[in-house]
């Protein structure tokens, strides 16, 4: 119980460039690996000039993982540039999403330390058919049961989706190395991570934290002019605003991000924040809280499905089990 709390605190301290004293680095590395933050941990300590304070074997391991991830990101960037060039040749300027943005914008000799699982691109709905045909000419094949396209020689999957309006300012056209892409406004990029984690995957109800995406948000807030009040005004209803404020309170708690003071004033937000942090730092005694959250999320999710009544009981049970057991990289 205490080891989980100490490992989380030490990992967050490392991501902020301040290695914890007397940390159990075996536990910290295990958590960093599970949350896909090991390369970021190394680069944060290196930038802060604190990497030498770590034990030699820890430094060696972190440097090795960081190097492997760098090589993978270089391959992903080459893959991204190839796809963008092919789309541009058809007159299509794709919108880059999530990890594809820093990959594309990073200088030629450098790549971000962020561990990126796949490449996310969006195109206008009227262009989607042509865009898919263009990628198929490059050898991409649709993955059965998934939304992505894949080639055996690539480092990751490419996901192509139709772009949607977000109510913010329009995307920015960026030209780099003869290629043209659209970059979403910073508010849209932040909203994508928040809506995906807390609402789409149900982390708000389930009491989970995607620490990698939280770290992404913290770094985005440090480097860009991110106005949280604009995001709050864009939320569709009170439940969505509660989810946003809960995530902002987590940002402040873990990474010291400046947030509007009113985010932490409502009792519901403080309770939801406490529940998520408690479950992350006390995985055993916090299990009942997480189970209750999973059940609430599962009940809400399936109540929204229009075809629920037409599904067989076996299929329904399988989907419920998959929902409750899917922890992935969350804490």
Protein backbone atom coordinates (compact mmCIF):
# COMPACT_ATOMS: atom_id res chain seq x y z
CA UNK A 1 0.00 0.00 0.00
CA UNK A 2 2.68 2.47 1.08
CA UNK A 3 5.00 1.24 -1.66
CA UNK A 4 2.43 2.18 -4.31
CA UNK A 5 2.03 5.66 -2.85
CA UNK A 6 5.78 6.19 -2.55
CA UNK A 7 6.41 4.94 -6.09
CA UNK A 8 3.80 7.31 -7.51
CA UNK A 9 5.17 10.25 -5.55
CA UNK A 10 8.73 9.43 -6.65
CA UNK A 11 7.72 9.06 -10.30
CA UNK A 12 5.89 12.38 -10.32
CA UNK A 13 8.84 14.05 -8.58
CA UNK A 14 11.15 12.65 -11.25
CA UNK A 15 8.89 13.89 -14.04
CA UNK A 16 9.16 17.32 -12.44
CA UNK A 17 12.96 17.04 -12.50
CA UNK A 18 13.43 16.38 -8.79
CA UNK A 19 14.54 12.80 -7.95
CA UNK A 20 13.09 11.60 -4.66
CA UNK A 21 15.46 10.74 -1.85
CA UNK A 22 15.65 7.06 -0.85
CA UNK A 23 13.18 6.01 -3.55
CA UNK A 24 12.59 2.33 -4.26
CA UNK A 25 13.67 2.59 -7.89
CA UNK A 26 12.53 -0.91 -8.71
CA UNK A 27 8.98 0.12 -7.83
CA UNK A 28 9.32 3.50 -9.54
CA UNK A 29 10.56 1.95 -12.79
CA UNK A 30 7.82 -0.67 -12.72
CA UNK A 31 5.22 2.10 -12.44
CA UNK A 32 6.93 4.20 -15.12
CA UNK A 33 6.95 1.22 -17.47
CA UNK A 34 3.28 0.50 -16.85
CA UNK A 35 2.26 4.10 -17.44
CA UNK A 36 4.53 4.48 -20.51
CA UNK A 37 6.49 7.28 -18.85
CA UNK A 38 9.97 5.76 -18.61
CA UNK A 39 11.52 7.82 -21.48
CA UNK A 40 9.91 10.99 -20.12
CA UNK A 41 11.31 10.24 -16.66
CA UNK A 42 14.84 10.05 -18.09
CA UNK A 43 14.53 13.18 -20.24
CA UNK A 44 12.99 15.22 -17.39
CA UNK A 45 15.85 14.37 -15.03
CA UNK A 46 18.42 14.93 -17.78
CA UNK A 47 17.04 18.40 -18.62
CA UNK A 48 17.05 19.31 -14.93
CA UNK A 49 20.67 18.17 -14.55
CA UNK A 50 19.62 15.64 -11.93
CA UNK A 51 20.19 12.34 -13.72
CA UNK A 52 23.57 11.81 -12.02
CA UNK A 53 21.83 11.58 -8.63
CA UNK A 54 20.27 8.25 -9.58
CA UNK A 55 21.97 4.92 -8.91
CA UNK A 56 24.20 3.82 -11.78
CA UNK A 57 22.09 0.79 -12.76
CA UNK A 58 18.93 2.93 -12.76
CA UNK A 59 20.58 5.54 -14.99
CA UNK A 60 21.77 2.81 -17.35
CA UNK A 61 18.30 1.26 -17.63
CA UNK A 62 16.51 4.58 -18.13
CA UNK A 63 19.06 5.64 -20.77
CA UNK A 64 18.58 2.33 -22.61
CA UNK A 65 14.77 2.63 -22.69
CA UNK A 66 15.01 6.28 -23.71
CA UNK A 67 17.34 5.34 -26.56
CA UNK A 68 15.04 2.58 -27.78
CA UNK A 69 12.08 4.92 -27.68
CA UNK A 70 14.04 7.57 -29.57
CA UNK A 71 14.75 5.13 -32.38
CA UNK A 72 11.09 4.13 -32.48
CA UNK A 73 9.96 7.75 -32.57
CA UNK A 74 12.35 8.45 -35.43
CA UNK A 75 10.72 5.61 -37.35
CA UNK A 76 7.26 6.89 -36.46
CA UNK A 77 8.16 10.36 -37.67
CA UNK A 78 9.45 8.99 -40.98
CA UNK A 79 6.22 7.01 -41.30
CA UNK A 80 4.17 10.12 -40.54
CA UNK A 81 6.04 12.22 -43.08
CA UNK A 82 5.56 9.56 -45.76
CA UNK A 83 1.80 9.43 -45.11
CA UNK A 84 1.49 13.23 -45.10
CA UNK A 85 3.46 13.51 -48.36
CA UNK A 86 1.17 10.97 -50.04
CA UNK A 87 -1.95 12.77 -48.82
CA UNK A 88 -0.55 16.17 -49.87
CA UNK A 89 0.04 14.77 -53.37
CA UNK A 90 -3.73 14.23 -53.57
CA UNK A 91 -4.44 17.74 -52.36
CA UNK A 92 -5.32 16.59 -48.83
CA UNK A 93 -3.91 18.44 -45.82
CA UNK A 94 -4.42 16.17 -42.78
CA UNK A 95 -5.14 17.34 -39.26
CA UNK A 96 -2.62 15.88 -36.81
CA UNK A 97 -3.85 14.63 -33.45
CA UNK A 98 -2.31 13.70 -30.09
CA UNK A 99 1.26 12.40 -30.30
CA UNK A 100 1.55 13.06 -34.03
CA UNK A 101 1.71 16.81 -33.34
CA UNK A 102 5.00 16.93 -31.38
CA UNK A 103 6.50 14.28 -33.67
CA UNK A 104 5.89 16.44 -36.73
CA UNK A 105 6.88 19.74 -35.12
CA UNK A 106 10.11 18.56 -33.49
CA UNK A 107 13.41 19.64 -35.11
CA UNK A 108 14.98 17.27 -37.63
CA UNK A 109 17.74 16.04 -35.34
CA UNK A 110 15.50 15.62 -32.31
CA UNK A 111 12.31 13.81 -31.40
CA UNK A 112 10.12 14.12 -28.30
CA UNK A 113 10.70 11.65 -25.48
CA UNK A 114 6.98 10.91 -25.26
CA UNK A 115 6.18 7.24 -25.85
CA UNK A 116 3.68 7.30 -28.72
CA UNK A 117 1.57 4.21 -29.38
CA UNK A 118 0.28 5.11 -32.85
CA UNK A 119 -0.26 7.95 -35.32
CA UNK A 120 -3.60 9.76 -35.36
CA UNK A 121 -4.66 11.79 -38.40
CA UNK A 122 -7.96 13.33 -39.40
CA UNK A 123 -9.25 14.53 -42.77
CA UNK A 124 -12.41 16.23 -43.95
CA UNK A 125 -15.28 13.70 -44.17
CA UNK A 126 -15.55 14.24 -47.94
CA UNK A 127 -11.85 13.36 -48.29
CA UNK A 128 -11.83 10.20 -46.17
CA UNK A 129 -12.44 7.70 -49.00
CA UNK A 130 -9.66 9.21 -51.15
CA UNK A 131 -7.33 9.38 -48.15
CA UNK A 132 -7.84 5.71 -47.30
CA UNK A 133 -7.24 4.71 -50.91
CA UNK A 134 -4.07 6.80 -50.88
CA UNK A 135 -2.78 5.03 -47.77
CA UNK A 136 -3.69 1.63 -49.19
CA UNK A 137 -1.46 2.45 -52.15
CA UNK A 138 1.38 2.79 -49.65
CA UNK A 139 0.64 -0.72 -48.42
CA UNK A 140 -1.56 0.04 -45.42
CA UNK A 141 -4.21 -2.55 -44.58
CA UNK A 142 -7.31 -2.04 -42.43
CA UNK A 143 -7.12 -3.97 -39.14
CA UNK A 144 -10.17 -6.15 -38.53
CA UNK A 145 -12.01 -5.09 -35.38
CA UNK A 146 -9.94 -1.90 -35.03
CA UNK A 147 -10.08 1.61 -36.46
CA UNK A 148 -6.46 1.66 -37.59
CA UNK A 149 -4.36 0.78 -40.62
CA UNK A 150 -1.09 -1.10 -40.43
CA UNK A 151 1.95 -2.25 -42.39
CA UNK A 152 4.29 -4.95 -41.12
CA UNK A 153 7.42 -2.82 -41.52
CA UNK A 154 6.14 0.11 -39.45
CA UNK A 155 6.72 0.96 -35.81
CA UNK A 156 3.05 1.70 -35.13
CA UNK A 157 -0.48 1.75 -36.41
CA UNK A 158 -1.94 4.70 -38.28
CA UNK A 159 -5.47 5.76 -37.40
CA UNK A 160 -7.40 7.86 -39.90
CA UNK A 161 -10.67 9.49 -38.86
CA UNK A 162 -12.99 12.23 -40.13
CA UNK A 163 -12.32 15.64 -38.62
CA UNK A 164 -14.99 17.37 -36.57
CA UNK A 165 -15.54 20.95 -35.53
CA UNK A 166 -14.69 21.77 -31.93
CA UNK A 167 -16.00 25.29 -31.45
CA UNK A 168 -12.51 26.77 -31.01
CA UNK A 169 -10.42 28.74 -33.46
CA UNK A 170 -9.65 26.94 -36.75
CA UNK A 171 -6.57 24.71 -37.08
CA UNK A 172 -3.28 26.31 -38.04
CA UNK A 173 -1.70 25.41 -41.36
CA UNK A 174 1.94 24.44 -40.80
CA UNK A 175 4.52 23.90 -43.54
CA UNK A 176 7.59 21.86 -42.66
CA UNK A 177 10.11 20.18 -44.95
CA UNK A 178 7.85 20.69 -47.94
CA UNK A 179 4.87 19.09 -46.18
CA UNK A 180 1.58 20.69 -45.17
CA UNK A 181 -0.47 19.74 -42.11
CA UNK A 182 -3.12 21.31 -39.93
CA UNK A 183 -2.39 21.61 -36.20
CA UNK A 184 -5.39 21.89 -33.84
CA UNK A 185 -5.53 24.88 -31.47
CA UNK A 186 -4.11 24.19 -28.04
CA UNK A 187 -7.55 24.18 -26.39
CA UNK A 188 -8.69 21.49 -28.81
CA UNK A 189 -5.62 19.36 -28.12
CA UNK A 190 -6.18 19.58 -24.38
CA UNK A 191 -9.88 18.86 -24.70
CA UNK A 192 -9.18 15.77 -26.79
CA UNK A 193 -7.16 14.15 -24.01
CA UNK A 194 -9.64 15.13 -21.29
CA UNK A 195 -12.76 13.97 -23.12
CA UNK A 196 -11.08 10.75 -24.28
CA UNK A 197 -9.92 9.72 -20.80
CA UNK A 198 -12.55 11.03 -18.43
CA UNK A 199 -15.69 10.70 -20.55
CA UNK A 200 -15.08 8.26 -23.41
CA UNK A 201 -13.11 5.76 -21.31
CA UNK A 202 -15.01 6.64 -18.15
CA UNK A 203 -12.08 7.53 -15.90
CA UNK A 204 -14.22 10.16 -14.16
CA UNK A 205 -16.66 7.49 -12.99
CA UNK A 206 -14.16 4.66 -12.64
CA UNK A 207 -11.74 6.64 -10.49
CA UNK A 208 -8.74 6.06 -12.75
CA UNK A 209 -5.90 8.35 -13.81
CA UNK A 210 -3.99 8.18 -17.08
CA UNK A 211 -0.75 9.64 -15.74
CA UNK A 212 0.85 9.87 -19.19
CA UNK A 213 -1.99 12.01 -20.55
CA UNK A 214 -1.98 14.07 -17.35
CA UNK A 215 1.72 14.69 -17.91
CA UNK A 216 0.95 15.60 -21.54
CA UNK A 217 -1.54 18.20 -20.33
CA UNK A 218 0.90 19.62 -17.79
CA UNK A 219 3.60 20.06 -20.43
CA UNK A 220 1.10 21.53 -22.87
CA UNK A 221 0.05 24.08 -20.24
CA UNK A 222 3.72 24.97 -19.66
CA UNK A 223 4.56 25.51 -23.32
CA UNK A 224 1.34 26.98 -24.75
CA UNK A 225 -1.10 29.74 -23.89
CA UNK A 226 -3.78 27.39 -22.59
CA UNK A 227 -6.89 29.08 -21.19
CA UNK A 228 -8.76 26.65 -18.94
CA UNK A 229 -11.79 28.94 -18.71
CA UNK A 230 -12.29 28.56 -22.47
CA UNK A 231 -12.40 24.79 -22.02
CA UNK A 232 -14.83 25.08 -19.13
CA UNK A 233 -17.17 27.19 -21.24
CA UNK A 234 -17.07 24.56 -24.02
CA UNK A 235 -18.35 21.72 -21.82
CA UNK A 236 -21.79 20.54 -22.88
CA UNK A 237 -23.30 19.95 -19.44
CA UNK A 238 -22.59 19.97 -15.71
CA UNK A 239 -21.30 16.38 -15.71
CA UNK A 240 -18.70 17.21 -18.36
CA UNK A 241 -17.67 20.34 -16.45
CA UNK A 242 -17.28 18.26 -13.29
CA UNK A 243 -15.03 15.86 -15.17
CA UNK A 244 -12.91 18.72 -16.50
CA UNK A 245 -12.54 20.36 -13.09
CA UNK A 246 -11.60 17.00 -11.55
CA UNK A 247 -8.83 16.60 -14.12
CA UNK A 248 -7.62 20.15 -13.52
CA UNK A 249 -7.42 19.50 -9.79
CA UNK A 250 -5.32 16.40 -10.53
CA UNK A 251 -3.05 18.54 -12.72
CA UNK A 252 -2.50 20.95 -9.87
CA UNK A 253 -2.02 18.15 -7.33
CA UNK A 254 0.58 16.17 -9.28
CA UNK A 255 2.34 18.74 -11.46
CA UNK A 256 1.63 22.11 -9.84
CA UNK A 257 -0.23 23.44 -12.88
CA UNK A 258 -1.97 26.79 -12.38
CA UNK A 259 -5.74 26.35 -12.63
CA UNK A 260 -8.75 28.60 -11.93
CA UNK A 261 -9.31 28.76 -8.17
CA UNK A 262 -13.00 27.91 -8.47
CA UNK A 263 -12.15 24.44 -9.82
CA UNK A 264 -11.30 23.21 -6.33
CA UNK A 265 -14.16 24.87 -4.47
CA UNK A 266 -17.04 22.46 -5.07
CA UNK A 267 -17.31 19.46 -2.69
CA UNK A 268 -18.12 17.07 -5.56
CA UNK A 269 -14.87 17.94 -7.34
CA UNK A 270 -12.82 17.56 -4.17
CA UNK A 271 -14.43 14.18 -3.47
CA UNK A 272 -13.85 12.88 -7.00
CA UNK A 273 -10.23 14.02 -6.83
CA UNK A 274 -9.71 12.35 -3.46
CA UNK A 275 -11.30 9.14 -4.75
CA UNK A 276 -8.98 8.95 -7.77
CA UNK A 277 -5.82 9.72 -5.79
CA UNK A 278 -6.79 7.32 -2.99
CA UNK A 279 -7.44 4.47 -5.43
CA UNK A 280 -4.10 5.14 -7.16
CA UNK A 281 -2.05 5.25 -3.97
CA UNK A 282 -3.95 2.51 -2.06
CA UNK A 283 -4.76 -0.14 -4.68
CA UNK A 284 -5.81 -2.78 -2.14
CA UNK A 285 -8.04 -0.92 0.30
CA UNK A 286 -9.15 1.39 -2.53
CA UNK A 287 -10.42 -1.57 -4.57
CA UNK A 288 -14.06 -1.23 -3.36
CA UNK A 289 -14.12 2.40 -4.52
CA UNK A 290 -12.80 1.39 -7.93
CA UNK A 291 -15.22 -1.51 -8.20
CA UNK A 292 -18.15 0.76 -7.40
CA UNK A 293 -16.95 3.22 -10.02
CA UNK A 294 -16.56 0.48 -12.62
CA UNK A 295 -20.09 -0.74 -11.96
CA UNK A 296 -21.51 2.78 -12.28
CA UNK A 297 -19.62 3.34 -15.50
CA UNK A 298 -20.68 -0.02 -16.92
CA UNK A 299 -24.33 0.60 -16.04
CA UNK A 300 -24.28 4.08 -17.59
CA UNK A 301 -22.47 2.96 -20.71
CA UNK A 302 -24.77 0.09 -21.51
CA UNK A 303 -27.90 2.06 -20.69
CA UNK A 304 -26.94 4.44 -23.50
CA UNK A 305 -26.68 1.76 -26.14
CA UNK A 306 -29.70 1.83 -28.45
CA UNK A 307 -29.27 -1.80 -29.35
CA UNK A 308 -28.78 -3.11 -25.84
CA UNK A 309 -32.11 -4.89 -25.79
CA UNK A 310 -31.17 -6.77 -28.96
CA UNK A 311 -27.89 -8.11 -27.57
CA UNK A 312 -27.71 -11.59 -26.16
CA UNK A 313 -26.86 -12.13 -22.50
CA UNK A 314 -23.55 -13.83 -23.36
CA UNK A 315 -22.39 -10.91 -25.47
CA UNK A 316 -23.48 -8.43 -22.80
CA UNK A 317 -21.62 -10.31 -20.07
CA UNK A 318 -18.49 -10.42 -22.20
CA UNK A 319 -18.60 -6.66 -22.84
CA UNK A 320 -19.15 -5.92 -19.15
CA UNK A 321 -16.19 -8.08 -18.18
CA UNK A 322 -14.00 -6.43 -20.79
CA UNK A 323 -14.98 -2.99 -19.51
CA UNK A 324 -14.30 -3.84 -15.87
CA UNK A 325 -10.99 -5.59 -16.49
CA UNK A 326 -9.50 -3.14 -18.98
CA UNK A 327 -6.92 -1.19 -16.94
CA UNK A 328 -4.28 -0.71 -19.64
CA UNK A 329 -1.89 2.07 -18.58
CA UNK A 330 -4.12 3.60 -15.91
CA UNK A 331 -3.40 3.94 -12.21
